[in-house]
PDB file of N, CA and C in Angstrom:
ATOM      1  N   UNK A   1      27.542 -15.196 -37.129  1.00  0.00           N
ATOM      2  CA  UNK A   1      26.191 -15.107 -36.598  1.00  0.00           C
ATOM      3  C   UNK A   1      26.109 -13.896 -35.678  1.00  0.00           C
ATOM      4  N   UNK A   2      25.128 -13.057 -35.907  1.00  0.00           N
ATOM      5  CA  UNK A   2      24.945 -11.891 -35.046  1.00  0.00           C
ATOM      6  C   UNK A   2      23.835 -12.177 -34.048  1.00  0.00           C
ATOM      7  N   UNK A   3      24.019 -11.658 -32.901  1.00  0.00           N
ATOM      8  CA  UNK A   3      23.023 -11.840 -31.847  1.00  0.00           C
ATOM      9  C   UNK A   3      22.115 -10.631 -31.788  1.00  0.00           C
ATOM     10  N   UNK A   4      20.849 -10.908 -31.652  1.00  0.00           N
ATOM     11  CA  UNK A   4      19.887  -9.831 -31.462  1.00  0.00           C
ATOM     12  C   UNK A   4      19.908  -9.407 -30.005  1.00  0.00           C
ATOM     13  N   UNK A   5      19.896  -8.118 -29.750  1.00  0.00           N
ATOM     14  CA  UNK A   5      19.819  -7.709 -28.340  1.00  0.00           C
ATOM     15  C   UNK A   5      18.474  -8.151 -27.761  1.00  0.00           C
ATOM     16  N   UNK A   6      18.507  -8.621 -26.548  1.00  0.00           N
ATOM     17  CA  UNK A   6      17.273  -9.047 -25.903  1.00  0.00           C
ATOM     18  C   UNK A   6      16.872  -8.023 -24.859  1.00  0.00           C
ATOM     19  N   UNK A   7      15.593  -7.901 -24.678  1.00  0.00           N
ATOM     20  CA  UNK A   7      15.088  -6.974 -23.662  1.00  0.00           C
ATOM     21  C   UNK A   7      15.395  -7.546 -22.283  1.00  0.00           C
ATOM     22  N   UNK A   8      15.779  -6.710 -21.345  1.00  0.00           N
ATOM     23  CA  UNK A   8      16.021  -7.216 -20.003  1.00  0.00           C
ATOM     24  C   UNK A   8      14.718  -7.736 -19.402  1.00  0.00           C
ATOM     25  N   UNK A   9      14.827  -8.753 -18.544  1.00  0.00           N
ATOM     26  CA  UNK A   9      13.589  -9.241 -17.924  1.00  0.00           C
ATOM     27  C   UNK A   9      12.976  -8.151 -17.059  1.00  0.00           C
ATOM     28  N   UNK A  10      11.680  -8.173 -16.976  1.00  0.00           N
ATOM     29  CA  UNK A  10      10.974  -7.178 -16.165  1.00  0.00           C
ATOM     30  C   UNK A  10      10.984  -7.564 -14.700  1.00  0.00           C
ATOM     31  N   UNK A  11      10.010  -7.068 -14.006  1.00  0.00           N
ATOM     32  CA  UNK A  11       9.886  -7.375 -12.584  1.00  0.00           C
ATOM     33  C   UNK A  11       8.667  -8.254 -12.369  1.00  0.00           C
ATOM     34  N   UNK A  12       8.674  -8.950 -11.252  1.00  0.00           N
ATOM     35  CA  UNK A  12       7.548  -9.815 -10.934  1.00  0.00           C
ATOM     36  C   UNK A  12       7.179  -9.688  -9.467  1.00  0.00           C
ATOM     37  N   UNK A  13       5.898  -9.909  -9.209  1.00  0.00           N
ATOM     38  CA  UNK A  13       5.406  -9.925  -7.834  1.00  0.00           C
ATOM     39  C   UNK A  13       5.628 -11.305  -7.245  1.00  0.00           C
ATOM     40  N   UNK A  14       6.018 -11.326  -5.992  1.00  0.00           N
ATOM     41  CA  UNK A  14       6.230 -12.585  -5.279  1.00  0.00           C
ATOM     42  C   UNK A  14       5.440 -12.499  -3.980  1.00  0.00           C
ATOM     43  N   UNK A  15       4.658 -13.526  -3.715  1.00  0.00           N
ATOM     44  CA  UNK A  15       3.842 -13.579  -2.508  1.00  0.00           C
ATOM     45  C   UNK A  15       4.354 -14.661  -1.580  1.00  0.00           C
ATOM     46  N   UNK A  16       4.498 -14.337  -0.311  1.00  0.00           N
ATOM     47  CA  UNK A  16       4.819 -15.326   0.712  1.00  0.00           C
ATOM     48  C   UNK A  16       3.489 -15.743   1.324  1.00  0.00           C
ATOM     49  N   UNK A  17       2.951 -16.891   0.908  1.00  0.00           N
ATOM     50  CA  UNK A  17       1.617 -17.277   1.369  1.00  0.00           C
ATOM     51  C   UNK A  17       1.549 -17.574   2.863  1.00  0.00           C
ATOM     52  N   UNK A  18       2.659 -17.897   3.469  1.00  0.00           N
ATOM     53  CA  UNK A  18       2.668 -18.176   4.904  1.00  0.00           C
ATOM     54  C   UNK A  18       2.579 -16.874   5.699  1.00  0.00           C
ATOM     55  N   UNK A  19       3.247 -15.838   5.210  1.00  0.00           N
ATOM     56  CA  UNK A  19       3.222 -14.551   5.906  1.00  0.00           C
ATOM     57  C   UNK A  19       1.914 -13.794   5.686  1.00  0.00           C
ATOM     58  N   UNK A  20       1.260 -14.048   4.565  1.00  0.00           N
ATOM     59  CA  UNK A  20       0.028 -13.320   4.231  1.00  0.00           C
ATOM     60  C   UNK A  20      -1.068 -13.620   5.247  1.00  0.00           C
ATOM     61  N   UNK A  21      -1.719 -12.561   5.707  1.00  0.00           N
ATOM     62  CA  UNK A  21      -2.820 -12.704   6.665  1.00  0.00           C
ATOM     63  C   UNK A  21      -4.160 -12.296   6.071  1.00  0.00           C
ATOM     64  N   UNK A  22      -4.202 -12.064   4.758  1.00  0.00           N
ATOM     65  CA  UNK A  22      -5.453 -11.822   4.070  1.00  0.00           C
ATOM     66  C   UNK A  22      -6.108 -10.477   4.309  1.00  0.00           C
ATOM     67  N   UNK A  23      -5.330  -9.425   4.473  1.00  0.00           N
ATOM     68  CA  UNK A  23      -5.906  -8.087   4.653  1.00  0.00           C
ATOM     69  C   UNK A  23      -6.596  -7.596   3.384  1.00  0.00           C
ATOM     70  N   UNK A  24      -6.062  -7.968   2.214  1.00  0.00           N
ATOM     71  CA  UNK A  24      -6.671  -7.596   0.944  1.00  0.00           C
ATOM     72  C   UNK A  24      -6.297  -6.233   0.414  1.00  0.00           C
ATOM     73  N   UNK A  25      -5.453  -5.517   1.114  1.00  0.00           N
ATOM     74  CA  UNK A  25      -5.057  -4.185   0.678  1.00  0.00           C
ATOM     75  C   UNK A  25      -4.345  -4.226  -0.670  1.00  0.00           C
ATOM     76  N   UNK A  26      -3.555  -5.255  -0.903  1.00  0.00           N
ATOM     77  CA  UNK A  26      -2.808  -5.371  -2.157  1.00  0.00           C
ATOM     78  C   UNK A  26      -3.753  -5.427  -3.351  1.00  0.00           C
ATOM     79  N   UNK A  27      -4.860  -6.153  -3.223  1.00  0.00           N
ATOM     80  CA  UNK A  27      -5.828  -6.275  -4.310  1.00  0.00           C
ATOM     81  C   UNK A  27      -6.535  -4.950  -4.578  1.00  0.00           C
ATOM     82  N   UNK A  28      -6.719  -4.159  -3.545  1.00  0.00           N
ATOM     83  CA  UNK A  28      -7.321  -2.837  -3.733  1.00  0.00           C
ATOM     84  C   UNK A  28      -6.371  -1.903  -4.474  1.00  0.00           C
ATOM     85  N   UNK A  29      -5.075  -2.030  -4.195  1.00  0.00           N
ATOM     86  CA  UNK A  29      -4.083  -1.140  -4.793  1.00  0.00           C
ATOM     87  C   UNK A  29      -3.601  -1.593  -6.166  1.00  0.00           C
ATOM     88  N   UNK A  30      -3.729  -2.888  -6.467  1.00  0.00           N
ATOM     89  CA  UNK A  30      -3.246  -3.413  -7.744  1.00  0.00           C
ATOM     90  C   UNK A  30      -4.225  -4.449  -8.307  1.00  0.00           C
ATOM     91  N   UNK A  31      -5.460  -4.015  -8.596  1.00  0.00           N
ATOM     92  CA  UNK A  31      -6.468  -4.967  -9.073  1.00  0.00           C
ATOM     93  C   UNK A  31      -6.151  -5.553 -10.447  1.00  0.00           C
ATOM     94  N   UNK A  32      -5.242  -4.911 -11.188  1.00  0.00           N
ATOM     95  CA  UNK A  32      -4.857  -5.424 -12.502  1.00  0.00           C
ATOM     96  C   UNK A  32      -4.059  -6.722 -12.402  1.00  0.00           C
ATOM     97  N   UNK A  33      -3.438  -6.971 -11.251  1.00  0.00           N
ATOM     98  CA  UNK A  33      -2.578  -8.146 -11.089  1.00  0.00           C
ATOM     99  C   UNK A  33      -2.934  -9.007  -9.874  1.00  0.00           C
ATOM    100  N   UNK A  34      -3.803  -8.516  -8.997  1.00  0.00           N
ATOM    101  CA  UNK A  34      -4.112  -9.263  -7.776  1.00  0.00           C
ATOM    102  C   UNK A  34      -5.626  -9.323  -7.576  1.00  0.00           C
ATOM    103  N   UNK A  35      -6.142 -10.527  -7.396  1.00  0.00           N
ATOM    104  CA  UNK A  35      -7.548 -10.725  -7.037  1.00  0.00           C
ATOM    105  C   UNK A  35      -7.578 -11.561  -5.768  1.00  0.00           C
ATOM    106  N   UNK A  36      -8.672 -11.478  -5.059  1.00  0.00           N
ATOM    107  CA  UNK A  36      -8.795 -12.229  -3.811  1.00  0.00           C
ATOM    108  C   UNK A  36      -9.610 -13.496  -4.038  1.00  0.00           C
ATOM    109  N   UNK A  37      -9.202 -14.577  -3.353  1.00  0.00           N
ATOM    110  CA  UNK A  37      -9.964 -15.822  -3.436  1.00  0.00           C
ATOM    111  C   UNK A  37     -11.178 -15.738  -2.510  1.00  0.00           C
ATOM    112  N   UNK A  38     -11.903 -16.824  -2.396  1.00  0.00           N
ATOM    113  CA  UNK A  38     -13.127 -16.832  -1.579  1.00  0.00           C
ATOM    114  C   UNK A  38     -12.877 -16.558  -0.095  1.00  0.00           C
ATOM    115  N   UNK A  39     -11.655 -16.746   0.368  1.00  0.00           N
ATOM    116  CA  UNK A  39     -11.314 -16.542   1.781  1.00  0.00           C
ATOM    117  C   UNK A  39     -10.603 -15.213   2.014  1.00  0.00           C
ATOM    118  N   UNK A  40     -10.444 -14.417   0.946  1.00  0.00           N
ATOM    119  CA  UNK A  40      -9.824 -13.104   1.080  1.00  0.00           C
ATOM    120  C   UNK A  40      -8.319 -13.089   0.919  1.00  0.00           C
ATOM    121  N   UNK A  41      -7.749 -14.178   0.420  1.00  0.00           N
ATOM    122  CA  UNK A  41      -6.303 -14.238   0.208  1.00  0.00           C
ATOM    123  C   UNK A  41      -5.980 -13.942  -1.253  1.00  0.00           C
ATOM    124  N   UNK A  42      -4.846 -13.286  -1.513  1.00  0.00           N
ATOM    125  CA  UNK A  42      -4.532 -12.863  -2.874  1.00  0.00           C
ATOM    126  C   UNK A  42      -4.093 -14.007  -3.780  1.00  0.00           C
ATOM    127  N   UNK A  43      -4.519 -13.890  -5.020  1.00  0.00           N
ATOM    128  CA  UNK A  43      -4.021 -14.715  -6.113  1.00  0.00           C
ATOM    129  C   UNK A  43      -3.397 -13.726  -7.084  1.00  0.00           C
ATOM    130  N   UNK A  44      -2.118 -13.910  -7.389  1.00  0.00           N
ATOM    131  CA  UNK A  44      -1.409 -12.896  -8.156  1.00  0.00           C
ATOM    132  C   UNK A  44      -1.044 -13.368  -9.555  1.00  0.00           C
ATOM    133  N   UNK A  45      -1.011 -12.405 -10.454  1.00  0.00           N
ATOM    134  CA  UNK A  45      -0.413 -12.572 -11.768  1.00  0.00           C
ATOM    135  C   UNK A  45       0.955 -11.929 -11.597  1.00  0.00           C
ATOM    136  N   UNK A  46       2.027 -12.707 -11.568  1.00  0.00           N
ATOM    137  CA  UNK A  46       3.321 -12.154 -11.161  1.00  0.00           C
ATOM    138  C   UNK A  46       3.960 -11.154 -12.118  1.00  0.00           C
ATOM    139  N   UNK A  47       3.620 -11.177 -13.390  1.00  0.00           N
ATOM    140  CA  UNK A  47       4.273 -10.285 -14.343  1.00  0.00           C
ATOM    141  C   UNK A  47       3.821  -8.841 -14.145  1.00  0.00           C
ATOM    142  N   UNK A  48       4.797  -7.958 -13.986  1.00  0.00           N
ATOM    143  CA  UNK A  48       4.500  -6.537 -13.766  1.00  0.00           C
ATOM    144  C   UNK A  48       5.060  -5.734 -14.936  1.00  0.00           C
ATOM    145  N   UNK A  49       4.194  -5.253 -15.812  1.00  0.00           N
ATOM    146  CA  UNK A  49       4.684  -4.405 -16.895  1.00  0.00           C
ATOM    147  C   UNK A  49       5.146  -3.059 -16.337  1.00  0.00           C
ATOM    148  N   UNK A  50       5.986  -2.403 -17.089  1.00  0.00           N
ATOM    149  CA  UNK A  50       6.531  -1.115 -16.648  1.00  0.00           C
ATOM    150  C   UNK A  50       5.427  -0.114 -16.318  1.00  0.00           C
ATOM    151  N   UNK A  51       4.321  -0.192 -17.033  1.00  0.00           N
ATOM    152  CA  UNK A  51       3.230   0.757 -16.801  1.00  0.00           C
ATOM    153  C   UNK A  51       2.563   0.588 -15.436  1.00  0.00           C
ATOM    154  N   UNK A  52       2.733  -0.582 -14.813  1.00  0.00           N
ATOM    155  CA  UNK A  52       2.129  -0.826 -13.501  1.00  0.00           C
ATOM    156  C   UNK A  52       3.155  -0.876 -12.370  1.00  0.00           C
ATOM    157  N   UNK A  53       4.393  -0.570 -12.665  1.00  0.00           N
ATOM    158  CA  UNK A  53       5.452  -0.698 -11.657  1.00  0.00           C
ATOM    159  C   UNK A  53       5.184   0.145 -10.414  1.00  0.00           C
ATOM    160  N   UNK A  54       4.800   1.386 -10.584  1.00  0.00           N
ATOM    161  CA  UNK A  54       4.556   2.262  -9.432  1.00  0.00           C
ATOM    162  C   UNK A  54       3.398   1.748  -8.581  1.00  0.00           C
ATOM    163  N   UNK A  55       2.360   1.251  -9.225  1.00  0.00           N
ATOM    164  CA  UNK A  55       1.222   0.691  -8.487  1.00  0.00           C
ATOM    165  C   UNK A  55       1.651  -0.569  -7.726  1.00  0.00           C
ATOM    166  N   UNK A  56       2.492  -1.385  -8.368  1.00  0.00           N
ATOM    167  CA  UNK A  56       2.984  -2.596  -7.705  1.00  0.00           C
ATOM    168  C   UNK A  56       3.840  -2.241  -6.492  1.00  0.00           C
ATOM    169  N   UNK A  57       4.690  -1.256  -6.631  1.00  0.00           N
ATOM    170  CA  UNK A  57       5.517  -0.813  -5.502  1.00  0.00           C
ATOM    171  C   UNK A  57       4.652  -0.310  -4.348  1.00  0.00           C
ATOM    172  N   UNK A  58       3.597   0.414  -4.666  1.00  0.00           N
ATOM    173  CA  UNK A  58       2.693   0.916  -3.639  1.00  0.00           C
ATOM    174  C   UNK A  58       2.029  -0.246  -2.891  1.00  0.00           C
ATOM    175  N   UNK A  59       1.614  -1.273  -3.626  1.00  0.00           N
ATOM    176  CA  UNK A  59       0.989  -2.443  -3.001  1.00  0.00           C
ATOM    177  C   UNK A  59       1.981  -3.177  -2.106  1.00  0.00           C
ATOM    178  N   UNK A  60       3.222  -3.317  -2.557  1.00  0.00           N
ATOM    179  CA  UNK A  60       4.262  -3.989  -1.770  1.00  0.00           C
ATOM    180  C   UNK A  60       4.519  -3.224  -0.474  1.00  0.00           C
ATOM    181  N   UNK A  61       4.663  -1.923  -0.577  1.00  0.00           N
ATOM    182  CA  UNK A  61       4.956  -1.104   0.603  1.00  0.00           C
ATOM    183  C   UNK A  61       3.790  -1.044   1.582  1.00  0.00           C
ATOM    184  N   UNK A  62       2.566  -1.193   1.079  1.00  0.00           N
ATOM    185  CA  UNK A  62       1.384  -1.085   1.940  1.00  0.00           C
ATOM    186  C   UNK A  62       1.023  -2.393   2.634  1.00  0.00           C
ATOM    187  N   UNK A  63       1.624  -3.498   2.240  1.00  0.00           N
ATOM    188  CA  UNK A  63       1.259  -4.795   2.825  1.00  0.00           C
ATOM    189  C   UNK A  63       1.595  -4.822   4.320  1.00  0.00           C
ATOM    190  N   UNK A  64       0.575  -4.934   5.181  1.00  0.00           N
ATOM    191  CA  UNK A  64       0.834  -4.919   6.619  1.00  0.00           C
ATOM    192  C   UNK A  64       1.580  -6.158   7.112  1.00  0.00           C
ATOM    193  N   UNK A  65       1.522  -7.248   6.368  1.00  0.00           N
ATOM    194  CA  UNK A  65       2.205  -8.481   6.779  1.00  0.00           C
ATOM    195  C   UNK A  65       3.566  -8.658   6.100  1.00  0.00           C
ATOM    196  N   UNK A  66       3.953  -7.701   5.261  1.00  0.00           N
ATOM    197  CA  UNK A  66       5.205  -7.778   4.500  1.00  0.00           C
ATOM    198  C   UNK A  66       5.286  -9.079   3.703  1.00  0.00           C
ATOM    199  N   UNK A  67       4.160  -9.500   3.147  1.00  0.00           N
ATOM    200  CA  UNK A  67       4.086 -10.771   2.434  1.00  0.00           C
ATOM    201  C   UNK A  67       4.247 -10.627   0.924  1.00  0.00           C
ATOM    202  N   UNK A  68       4.333  -9.415   0.428  1.00  0.00           N
ATOM    203  CA  UNK A  68       4.417  -9.166  -1.002  1.00  0.00           C
ATOM    204  C   UNK A  68       5.742  -8.495  -1.310  1.00  0.00           C
ATOM    205  N   UNK A  69       6.375  -8.932  -2.401  1.00  0.00           N
ATOM    206  CA  UNK A  69       7.666  -8.358  -2.793  1.00  0.00           C
ATOM    207  C   UNK A  69       7.686  -8.173  -4.304  1.00  0.00           C
ATOM    208  N   UNK A  70       8.555  -7.312  -4.755  1.00  0.00           N
ATOM    209  CA  UNK A  70       8.781  -7.058  -6.176  1.00  0.00           C
ATOM    210  C   UNK A  70      10.239  -7.373  -6.430  1.00  0.00           C
ATOM    211  N   UNK A  71      10.499  -8.247  -7.391  1.00  0.00           N
ATOM    212  CA  UNK A  71      11.885  -8.602  -7.683  1.00  0.00           C
ATOM    213  C   UNK A  71      12.090  -8.716  -9.188  1.00  0.00           C
ATOM    214  N   UNK A  72      13.342  -8.716  -9.596  1.00  0.00           N
ATOM    215  CA  UNK A  72      13.674  -8.893 -11.005  1.00  0.00           C
ATOM    216  C   UNK A  72      13.218 -10.280 -11.448  1.00  0.00           C
ATOM    217  N   UNK A  73      12.560 -10.335 -12.584  1.00  0.00           N
ATOM    218  CA  UNK A  73      12.127 -11.618 -13.128  1.00  0.00           C
ATOM    219  C   UNK A  73      13.351 -12.389 -13.610  1.00  0.00           C
ATOM    220  N   UNK A  74      13.248 -13.671 -13.495  1.00  0.00           N
ATOM    221  CA  UNK A  74      14.353 -14.527 -13.961  1.00  0.00           C
ATOM    222  C   UNK A  74      14.302 -14.624 -15.472  1.00  0.00           C
ATOM    223  N   UNK A  75      15.466 -14.534 -16.091  1.00  0.00           N
ATOM    224  CA  UNK A  75      15.554 -14.656 -17.548  1.00  0.00           C
ATOM    225  C   UNK A  75      15.382 -16.115 -17.941  1.00  0.00           C
ATOM    226  N   UNK A  76      14.755 -16.297 -19.089  1.00  0.00           N
ATOM    227  CA  UNK A  76      14.641 -17.652 -19.645  1.00  0.00           C
ATOM    228  C   UNK A  76      13.564 -18.373 -19.053  1.00  0.00           C
TER     229      UNK A  76
END
């Protein structure tokens, strides 16, 4: 039996909802993956395709509360 090579898992956005203070800057910088709820707090789509990686990094670095992170997605 031969194994097919699998693509490595991508990256994902992770939000710390306790640290988030609702500035909304992340949604401005990455509207493709982050929208704000009625109270101004982010709701994220965690999957980050390679084409949006730089935008995701910019949003993570700009978060004034350090509540957003980018990490390797878990396989499986």
